[in-house]
PDB file of N, CA and C in Angstrom:
ATOM      1  N   MET A   1      -7.942  -6.037   3.466  1.00  0.00           N
ATOM      2  CA  MET A   1      -6.690  -6.006   4.184  1.00  0.00           C
ATOM      3  C   MET A   1      -5.557  -6.013   3.184  1.00  0.00           C
ATOM      4  N   SER A   2      -5.698  -6.802   2.142  1.00  0.00           N
ATOM      5  CA  SER A   2      -4.617  -6.843   1.130  1.00  0.00           C
ATOM      6  C   SER A   2      -4.435  -5.515   0.422  1.00  0.00           C
ATOM      7  N   ALA A   3      -5.525  -4.790   0.230  1.00  0.00           N
ATOM      8  CA  ALA A   3      -5.470  -3.495  -0.432  1.00  0.00           C
ATOM      9  C   ALA A   3      -4.711  -2.475   0.434  1.00  0.00           C
ATOM     10  N   LEU A   4      -4.915  -2.594   1.763  1.00  0.00           N
ATOM     11  CA  LEU A   4      -4.182  -1.721   2.692  1.00  0.00           C
ATOM     12  C   LEU A   4      -2.673  -2.071   2.653  1.00  0.00           C
ATOM     13  N   ALA A   5      -2.372  -3.326   2.652  1.00  0.00           N
ATOM     14  CA  ALA A   5      -0.954  -3.756   2.540  1.00  0.00           C
ATOM     15  C   ALA A   5      -0.263  -3.309   1.280  1.00  0.00           C
ATOM     16  N   ASP A   6      -1.009  -3.480   0.199  1.00  0.00           N
ATOM     17  CA  ASP A   6      -0.459  -3.079  -1.083  1.00  0.00           C
ATOM     18  C   ASP A   6      -0.226  -1.536  -1.165  1.00  0.00           C
ATOM     19  N   CYS A   7      -1.190  -0.818  -0.622  1.00  0.00           N
ATOM     20  CA  CYS A   7      -1.074   0.641  -0.605  1.00  0.00           C
ATOM     21  C   CYS A   7       0.114   1.061   0.285  1.00  0.00           C
ATOM     22  N   PHE A   8       0.278   0.414   1.394  1.00  0.00           N
ATOM     23  CA  PHE A   8       1.412   0.746   2.256  1.00  0.00           C
ATOM     24  C   PHE A   8       2.748   0.511   1.544  1.00  0.00           C
ATOM     25  N   LYS A   9       2.872  -0.618   0.801  1.00  0.00           N
ATOM     26  CA  LYS A   9       4.059  -0.877   0.053  1.00  0.00           C
ATOM     27  C   LYS A   9       4.336   0.244  -0.969  1.00  0.00           C
ATOM     28  N   GLU A  10       3.274   0.708  -1.593  1.00  0.00           N
ATOM     29  CA  GLU A  10       3.420   1.834  -2.542  1.00  0.00           C
ATOM     30  C   GLU A  10       3.909   3.095  -1.835  1.00  0.00           C
ATOM     31  N   LEU A  11       3.309   3.322  -0.612  1.00  0.00           N
ATOM     32  CA  LEU A  11       3.799   4.532   0.135  1.00  0.00           C
ATOM     33  C   LEU A  11       5.284   4.420   0.426  1.00  0.00           C
ATOM     34  N   GLU A  12       5.754   3.221   0.795  1.00  0.00           N
ATOM     35  CA  GLU A  12       7.159   3.047   1.110  1.00  0.00           C
ATOM     36  C   GLU A  12       8.024   3.340  -0.101  1.00  0.00           C
ATOM     37  N   ARG A  13       7.555   2.783  -1.259  1.00  0.00           N
ATOM     38  CA  ARG A  13       8.349   2.991  -2.483  1.00  0.00           C
ATOM     39  C   ARG A  13       8.367   4.441  -2.954  1.00  0.00           C
ATOM     40  N   ASN A  14       7.344   5.213  -2.609  1.00  0.00           N
ATOM     41  CA  ASN A  14       7.174   6.570  -3.081  1.00  0.00           C
ATOM     42  C   ASN A  14       7.323   7.647  -2.063  1.00  0.00           C
ATOM     43  N   GLU A  15       8.097   7.311  -0.986  1.00  0.00           N
ATOM     44  CA  GLU A  15       8.234   8.290   0.117  1.00  0.00           C
ATOM     45  C   GLU A  15       8.697   9.659  -0.326  1.00  0.00           C
ATOM     46  N   ALA A  16       9.625   9.700  -1.284  1.00  0.00           N
ATOM     47  CA  ALA A  16      10.181  10.971  -1.713  1.00  0.00           C
ATOM     48  C   ALA A  16       9.524  11.520  -2.969  1.00  0.00           C
ATOM     49  N   ASP A  17       8.481  10.832  -3.416  1.00  0.00           N
ATOM     50  CA  ASP A  17       7.876  11.237  -4.680  1.00  0.00           C
ATOM     51  C   ASP A  17       6.688  12.179  -4.479  1.00  0.00           C
ATOM     52  N   ASN A  18       6.321  12.895  -5.479  1.00  0.00           N
ATOM     53  CA  ASN A  18       5.169  13.770  -5.486  1.00  0.00           C
ATOM     54  C   ASN A  18       3.852  13.042  -5.285  1.00  0.00           C
ATOM     55  N   ASN A  19       3.838  11.766  -5.598  1.00  0.00           N
ATOM     56  CA  ASN A  19       2.674  10.878  -5.526  1.00  0.00           C
ATOM     57  C   ASN A  19       2.353  10.494  -4.057  1.00  0.00           C
ATOM     58  N   PHE A  20       3.259  10.801  -3.132  1.00  0.00           N
ATOM     59  CA  PHE A  20       3.147  10.355  -1.758  1.00  0.00           C
ATOM     60  C   PHE A  20       1.785  10.840  -1.129  1.00  0.00           C
ATOM     61  N   GLU A  21       1.476  12.128  -1.374  1.00  0.00           N
ATOM     62  CA  GLU A  21       0.283  12.691  -0.765  1.00  0.00           C
ATOM     63  C   GLU A  21      -0.987  11.983  -1.187  1.00  0.00           C
ATOM     64  N   GLU A  22      -1.115  11.651  -2.494  1.00  0.00           N
ATOM     65  CA  GLU A  22      -2.248  10.996  -3.012  1.00  0.00           C
ATOM     66  C   GLU A  22      -2.308   9.555  -2.488  1.00  0.00           C
ATOM     67  N   LEU A  23      -1.137   8.891  -2.422  1.00  0.00           N
ATOM     68  CA  LEU A  23      -1.152   7.569  -1.846  1.00  0.00           C
ATOM     69  C   LEU A  23      -1.493   7.552  -0.384  1.00  0.00           C
ATOM     70  N   ASN A  24      -1.095   8.577   0.367  1.00  0.00           N
ATOM     71  CA  ASN A  24      -1.446   8.692   1.770  1.00  0.00           C
ATOM     72  C   ASN A  24      -2.956   8.878   1.913  1.00  0.00           C
ATOM     73  N   ARG A  25      -3.564   9.702   1.049  1.00  0.00           N
ATOM     74  CA  ARG A  25      -4.990   9.834   1.057  1.00  0.00           C
ATOM     75  C   ARG A  25      -5.691   8.516   0.795  1.00  0.00           C
ATOM     76  N   ARG A  26      -5.188   7.825  -0.196  1.00  0.00           N
ATOM     77  CA  ARG A  26      -5.762   6.512  -0.577  1.00  0.00           C
ATOM     78  C   ARG A  26      -5.695   5.492   0.592  1.00  0.00           C
ATOM     79  N   PHE A  27      -4.509   5.463   1.240  1.00  0.00           N
ATOM     80  CA  PHE A  27      -4.348   4.566   2.368  1.00  0.00           C
ATOM     81  C   PHE A  27      -5.407   4.839   3.451  1.00  0.00           C
ATOM     82  N   HIS A  28      -5.574   6.130   3.774  1.00  0.00           N
ATOM     83  CA  HIS A  28      -6.540   6.473   4.805  1.00  0.00           C
ATOM     84  C   HIS A  28      -7.962   6.296   4.350  1.00  0.00           C
ATOM     85  N   ASP A  29      -8.255   6.485   3.069  1.00  0.00           N
ATOM     86  CA  ASP A  29      -9.625   6.129   2.536  1.00  0.00           C
ATOM     87  C   ASP A  29      -9.835   4.650   2.707  1.00  0.00           C
ATOM     88  N   LEU A  30      -8.904   3.814   2.359  1.00  0.00           N
ATOM     89  CA  LEU A  30      -9.043   2.368   2.501  1.00  0.00           C
ATOM     90  C   LEU A  30      -9.269   2.025   3.979  1.00  0.00           C
ATOM     91  N   LEU A  31      -8.509   2.683   4.828  1.00  0.00           N
ATOM     92  CA  LEU A  31      -8.619   2.440   6.269  1.00  0.00           C
ATOM     93  C   LEU A  31     -10.015   2.792   6.759  1.00  0.00           C
ATOM     94  N   GLY A  32     -10.501   3.926   6.325  1.00  0.00           N
ATOM     95  CA  GLY A  32     -11.836   4.396   6.776  1.00  0.00           C
ATOM     96  C   GLY A  32     -12.930   3.398   6.335  1.00  0.00           C
ATOM     97  N   TRP A  33     -12.843   2.934   5.088  1.00  0.00           N
ATOM     98  CA  TRP A  33     -13.866   2.012   4.581  1.00  0.00           C
ATOM     99  C   TRP A  33     -13.702   0.620   5.229  1.00  0.00           C
ATOM    100  N   ALA A  34     -12.470   0.248   5.501  1.00  0.00           N
ATOM    101  CA  ALA A  34     -12.217  -1.076   6.109  1.00  0.00           C
ATOM    102  C   ALA A  34     -12.763  -1.138   7.532  1.00  0.00           C
ATOM    103  N   SER A  35     -12.977   0.001   8.160  1.00  0.00           N
ATOM    104  CA  SER A  35     -13.460   0.028   9.537  1.00  0.00           C
ATOM    105  C   SER A  35     -14.832  -0.643   9.672  1.00  0.00           C
ATOM    106  N   GLY A  36     -15.551  -0.752   8.555  1.00  0.00           N
ATOM    107  CA  GLY A  36     -16.892  -1.311   8.601  1.00  0.00           C
ATOM    108  C   GLY A  36     -17.936  -0.309   8.999  1.00  0.00           C
ATOM    109  N   ASN A  37     -17.566   0.933   9.282  1.00  0.00           N
ATOM    110  CA  ASN A  37     -18.406   1.975   9.633  1.00  0.00           C
ATOM    111  C   ASN A  37     -18.608   2.917   8.482  1.00  0.00           C
ATOM    112  N   PRO A  38     -19.744   2.878   7.771  1.00  0.00           N
ATOM    113  CA  PRO A  38     -19.940   3.717   6.576  1.00  0.00           C
ATOM    114  C   PRO A  38     -19.770   5.174   6.887  1.00  0.00           C
ATOM    115  N   LEU A  39     -20.170   5.641   8.059  1.00  0.00           N
ATOM    116  CA  LEU A  39     -20.012   7.083   8.385  1.00  0.00           C
ATOM    117  C   LEU A  39     -18.521   7.422   8.444  1.00  0.00           C
ATOM    118  N   PHE A  40     -17.695   6.581   9.037  1.00  0.00           N
ATOM    119  CA  PHE A  40     -16.270   6.872   9.129  1.00  0.00           C
ATOM    120  C   PHE A  40     -15.670   6.843   7.702  1.00  0.00           C
ATOM    121  N   GLY A  41     -16.044   5.927   6.875  1.00  0.00           N
ATOM    122  CA  GLY A  41     -15.614   5.852   5.477  1.00  0.00           C
ATOM    123  C   GLY A  41     -15.943   7.133   4.768  1.00  0.00           C
ATOM    124  N   LEU A  42     -17.205   7.566   4.877  1.00  0.00           N
ATOM    125  CA  LEU A  42     -17.633   8.796   4.157  1.00  0.00           C
ATOM    126  C   LEU A  42     -16.921  10.018   4.692  1.00  0.00           C
ATOM    127  N   LEU A  43     -16.723  10.107   6.019  1.00  0.00           N
ATOM    128  CA  LEU A  43     -16.039  11.248   6.620  1.00  0.00           C
ATOM    129  C   LEU A  43     -14.581  11.331   6.078  1.00  0.00           C
ATOM    130  N   THR A  44     -13.925  10.237   6.087  1.00  0.00           N
ATOM    131  CA  THR A  44     -12.537  10.152   5.612  1.00  0.00           C
ATOM    132  C   THR A  44     -12.458  10.586   4.142  1.00  0.00           C
ATOM    133  N   SER A  45     -13.309  10.001   3.331  1.00  0.00           N
ATOM    134  CA  SER A  45     -13.314  10.377   1.887  1.00  0.00           C
ATOM    135  C   SER A  45     -13.621  11.865   1.699  1.00  0.00           C
ATOM    136  N   THR A  46     -14.595  12.372   2.446  1.00  0.00           N
ATOM    137  CA  THR A  46     -14.955  13.795   2.300  1.00  0.00           C
ATOM    138  C   THR A  46     -13.767  14.688   2.712  1.00  0.00           C
ATOM    139  N   MET A  47     -13.120  14.335   3.742  1.00  0.00           N
ATOM    140  CA  MET A  47     -11.946  15.204   4.152  1.00  0.00           C
ATOM    141  C   MET A  47     -10.893  15.183   3.092  1.00  0.00           C
ATOM    142  N   HIS A  48     -10.692  14.093   2.434  1.00  0.00           N
ATOM    143  CA  HIS A  48      -9.691  13.984   1.405  1.00  0.00           C
ATOM    144  C   HIS A  48     -10.129  14.792   0.181  1.00  0.00           C
ATOM    145  N   LEU A  49     -11.388  14.784  -0.109  1.00  0.00           N
ATOM    146  CA  LEU A  49     -11.898  15.626  -1.241  1.00  0.00           C
ATOM    147  C   LEU A  49     -11.620  17.100  -0.950  1.00  0.00           C
ATOM    148  N   LEU A  50     -11.834  17.493   0.314  1.00  0.00           N
ATOM    149  CA  LEU A  50     -11.568  18.915   0.690  1.00  0.00           C
ATOM    150  C   LEU A  50     -10.122  19.253   0.569  1.00  0.00           C
ATOM    151  N   THR A  51      -9.203  18.347   1.018  1.00  0.00           N
ATOM    152  CA  THR A  51      -7.804  18.674   0.931  1.00  0.00           C
ATOM    153  C   THR A  51      -7.350  18.727  -0.506  1.00  0.00           C
ATOM    154  N   ARG A  52      -7.946  17.934  -1.382  1.00  0.00           N
ATOM    155  CA  ARG A  52      -7.590  18.003  -2.809  1.00  0.00           C
ATOM    156  C   ARG A  52      -8.071  19.331  -3.388  1.00  0.00           C
ATOM    157  N   GLU A  53      -9.229  19.725  -2.965  1.00  0.00           N
ATOM    158  CA  GLU A  53      -9.857  20.915  -3.516  1.00  0.00           C
ATOM    159  C   GLU A  53      -9.133  22.214  -3.096  1.00  0.00           C
ATOM    160  N   PHE A  54      -8.718  22.277  -1.858  1.00  0.00           N
ATOM    161  CA  PHE A  54      -8.140  23.529  -1.293  1.00  0.00           C
ATOM    162  C   PHE A  54      -6.620  23.620  -1.446  1.00  0.00           C
ATOM    163  N   SER A  55      -6.007  22.532  -1.861  1.00  0.00           N
ATOM    164  CA  SER A  55      -4.554  22.572  -1.937  1.00  0.00           C
ATOM    165  C   SER A  55      -4.084  21.689  -3.040  1.00  0.00           C
ATOM    166  N   ASN A  56      -3.219  22.187  -3.863  1.00  0.00           N
ATOM    167  CA  ASN A  56      -2.568  21.337  -4.892  1.00  0.00           C
ATOM    168  C   ASN A  56      -1.581  20.398  -4.252  1.00  0.00           C
ATOM    169  N   SER A  57      -0.989  20.853  -3.190  1.00  0.00           N
ATOM    170  CA  SER A  57       0.000  20.028  -2.502  1.00  0.00           C
ATOM    171  C   SER A  57       0.029  20.370  -1.042  1.00  0.00           C
ATOM    172  N   LEU A  58       0.019  19.362  -0.199  1.00  0.00           N
ATOM    173  CA  LEU A  58       0.107  19.576   1.223  1.00  0.00           C
ATOM    174  C   LEU A  58       1.533  19.878   1.609  1.00  0.00           C
ATOM    175  N   GLY A  59       2.451  19.446   0.826  1.00  0.00           N
ATOM    176  CA  GLY A  59       3.872  19.748   1.106  1.00  0.00           C
ATOM    177  C   GLY A  59       4.444  19.079   2.302  1.00  0.00           C
ATOM    178  N   TYR A  60       4.222  17.776   2.420  1.00  0.00           N
ATOM    179  CA  TYR A  60       4.818  17.057   3.546  1.00  0.00           C
ATOM    180  C   TYR A  60       6.364  17.185   3.520  1.00  0.00           C
ATOM    181  N   SER A  61       6.934  17.512   4.636  1.00  0.00           N
ATOM    182  CA  SER A  61       8.425  17.531   4.716  1.00  0.00           C
ATOM    183  C   SER A  61       8.845  16.070   4.784  1.00  0.00           C
ATOM    184  N   ALA A  62      10.175  15.836   4.642  1.00  0.00           N
ATOM    185  CA  ALA A  62      10.733  14.504   4.781  1.00  0.00           C
ATOM    186  C   ALA A  62      10.416  13.906   6.125  1.00  0.00           C
ATOM    187  N   GLN A  63      10.491  14.727   7.183  1.00  0.00           N
ATOM    188  CA  GLN A  63      10.176  14.232   8.507  1.00  0.00           C
ATOM    189  C   GLN A  63       8.713  13.853   8.648  1.00  0.00           C
ATOM    190  N   GLU A  64       7.827  14.641   8.097  1.00  0.00           N
ATOM    191  CA  GLU A  64       6.404  14.311   8.140  1.00  0.00           C
ATOM    192  C   GLU A  64       6.069  13.040   7.387  1.00  0.00           C
ATOM    193  N   ARG A  65       6.744  12.874   6.233  1.00  0.00           N
ATOM    194  CA  ARG A  65       6.554  11.623   5.475  1.00  0.00           C
ATOM    195  C   ARG A  65       7.026  10.411   6.245  1.00  0.00           C
ATOM    196  N   ALA A  66       8.129  10.544   6.959  1.00  0.00           N
ATOM    197  CA  ALA A  66       8.681   9.452   7.755  1.00  0.00           C
ATOM    198  C   ALA A  66       7.684   9.074   8.856  1.00  0.00           C
ATOM    199  N   VAL A  67       7.113  10.124   9.520  1.00  0.00           N
ATOM    200  CA  VAL A  67       6.141   9.859  10.563  1.00  0.00           C
ATOM    201  C   VAL A  67       4.919   9.156  10.057  1.00  0.00           C
ATOM    202  N   GLN A  68       4.437   9.648   8.861  1.00  0.00           N
ATOM    203  CA  GLN A  68       3.299   8.996   8.234  1.00  0.00           C
ATOM    204  C   GLN A  68       3.568   7.503   7.971  1.00  0.00           C
ATOM    205  N   LEU A  69       4.790   7.255   7.425  1.00  0.00           N
ATOM    206  CA  LEU A  69       5.132   5.863   7.169  1.00  0.00           C
ATOM    207  C   LEU A  69       5.194   4.990   8.409  1.00  0.00           C
ATOM    208  N   ARG A  70       5.756   5.550   9.458  1.00  0.00           N
ATOM    209  CA  ARG A  70       5.832   4.814  10.769  1.00  0.00           C
ATOM    210  C   ARG A  70       4.434   4.480  11.265  1.00  0.00           C
ATOM    211  N   PHE A  71       3.515   5.444  11.156  1.00  0.00           N
ATOM    212  CA  PHE A  71       2.149   5.222  11.571  1.00  0.00           C
ATOM    213  C   PHE A  71       1.469   4.135  10.721  1.00  0.00           C
ATOM    214  N   CYS A  72       1.648   4.241   9.440  1.00  0.00           N
ATOM    215  CA  CYS A  72       1.055   3.271   8.500  1.00  0.00           C
ATOM    216  C   CYS A  72       1.641   1.908   8.719  1.00  0.00           C
ATOM    217  N   ALA A  73       2.976   1.782   8.969  1.00  0.00           N
ATOM    218  CA  ALA A  73       3.602   0.544   9.247  1.00  0.00           C
ATOM    219  C   ALA A  73       3.072  -0.125  10.532  1.00  0.00           C
ATOM    220  N   ALA A  74       2.962   0.683  11.527  1.00  0.00           N
ATOM    221  CA  ALA A  74       2.409   0.180  12.797  1.00  0.00           C
ATOM    222  C   ALA A  74       1.008  -0.347  12.601  1.00  0.00           C
ATOM    223  N   PHE A  75       0.210   0.397  11.924  1.00  0.00           N
ATOM    224  CA  PHE A  75      -1.189  -0.029  11.671  1.00  0.00           C
ATOM    225  C   PHE A  75      -1.256  -1.280  10.815  1.00  0.00           C
ATOM    226  N   SER A  76      -0.410  -1.342   9.762  1.00  0.00           N
ATOM    227  CA  SER A  76      -0.428  -2.511   8.899  1.00  0.00           C
ATOM    228  C   SER A  76       0.035  -3.747   9.621  1.00  0.00           C
ATOM    229  N   ASN A  77       1.006  -3.587  10.531  1.00  0.00           N
ATOM    230  CA  ASN A  77       1.481  -4.728  11.301  1.00  0.00           C
ATOM    231  C   ASN A  77       0.385  -5.245  12.259  1.00  0.00           C
ATOM    232  N   ARG A  78      -0.340  -4.298  12.868  1.00  0.00           N
ATOM    233  CA  ARG A  78      -1.436  -4.721  13.749  1.00  0.00           C
ATOM    234  C   ARG A  78      -2.550  -5.403  12.974  1.00  0.00           C
ATOM    235  N   CYS A  79      -2.830  -4.880  11.809  1.00  0.00           N
ATOM    236  CA  CYS A  79      -3.899  -5.508  10.948  1.00  0.00           C
ATOM    237  C   CYS A  79      -3.449  -6.937  10.552  1.00  0.00           C
ATOM    238  N   ALA A  80      -2.218  -7.119  10.148  1.00  0.00           N
ATOM    239  CA  ALA A  80      -1.699  -8.408   9.777  1.00  0.00           C
ATOM    240  C   ALA A  80      -1.826  -9.411  10.966  1.00  0.00           C
ATOM    241  N   LEU A  81      -1.446  -8.948  12.154  1.00  0.00           N
ATOM    242  CA  LEU A  81      -1.555  -9.784  13.332  1.00  0.00           C
ATOM    243  C   LEU A  81      -2.996 -10.162  13.639  1.00  0.00           C
ATOM    244  N   ALA A  82      -3.881  -9.179  13.571  1.00  0.00           N
ATOM    245  CA  ALA A  82      -5.284  -9.439  13.836  1.00  0.00           C
ATOM    246  C   ALA A  82      -5.888 -10.415  12.821  1.00  0.00           C
ATOM    247  N   THR A  83      -5.508 -10.270  11.559  1.00  0.00           N
ATOM    248  CA  THR A  83      -5.950 -11.159  10.519  1.00  0.00           C
ATOM    249  C   THR A  83      -5.481 -12.600  10.801  1.00  0.00           C
ATOM    250  N   ARG A  84      -4.195 -12.729  11.179  1.00  0.00           N
ATOM    251  CA  ARG A  84      -3.681 -14.104  11.472  1.00  0.00           C
ATOM    252  C   ARG A  84      -4.416 -14.702  12.664  1.00  0.00           C
ATOM    253  N   GLN A  85      -4.683 -13.885  13.686  1.00  0.00           N
ATOM    254  CA  GLN A  85      -5.406 -14.399  14.847  1.00  0.00           C
ATOM    255  C   GLN A  85      -6.830 -14.797  14.535  1.00  0.00           C
ATOM    256  N   LEU A  86      -7.480 -14.045  13.650  1.00  0.00           N
ATOM    257  CA  LEU A  86      -8.863 -14.408  13.271  1.00  0.00           C
ATOM    258  C   LEU A  86      -8.861 -15.675  12.426  1.00  0.00           C
ATOM    259  N   ARG A  87      -7.893 -15.841  11.560  1.00  0.00           N
ATOM    260  CA  ARG A  87      -7.841 -17.054  10.756  1.00  0.00           C
ATOM    261  C   ARG A  87      -7.570 -18.270  11.639  1.00  0.00           C
ATOM    262  N   GLY A  88      -6.769 -18.097  12.672  1.00  0.00           N
ATOM    263  CA  GLY A  88      -6.480 -19.190  13.622  1.00  0.00           C
ATOM    264  C   GLY A  88      -7.681 -19.684  14.425  1.00  0.00           C
ATOM    265  N   ARG A  89      -8.665 -18.813  14.556  1.00  0.00           N
ATOM    266  CA  ARG A  89      -9.863 -19.120  15.343  1.00  0.00           C
ATOM    267  C   ARG A  89     -10.872 -19.967  14.567  1.00  0.00           C
ATOM    268  N   ARG A  90     -10.750 -19.945  13.263  1.00  0.00           N
ATOM    269  CA  ARG A  90     -11.723 -20.626  12.381  1.00  0.00           C
ATOM    270  C   ARG A  90     -11.446 -22.097  12.312  1.00  0.00           C
TER     271      ARG A  90
END
């Protein structure tokens, strides 16, 4: 969970940077593996290998980057809430 949070912070810092696409892939790879489902993790990683292979740059527009960040923020907030709830049950 902390790796997802750290990656999200990097995404926010690099929204206008060329590194955004790779960070976005990394966030979703972490998300896939964090699901606990190895098939989902492998599928996510494979899709990112394909996008790297077929395209040097996906070319996210500023609007698409903003949407990606809103999605990642919403997910990160839900993960943080779920983590706090789980810790409270112990």
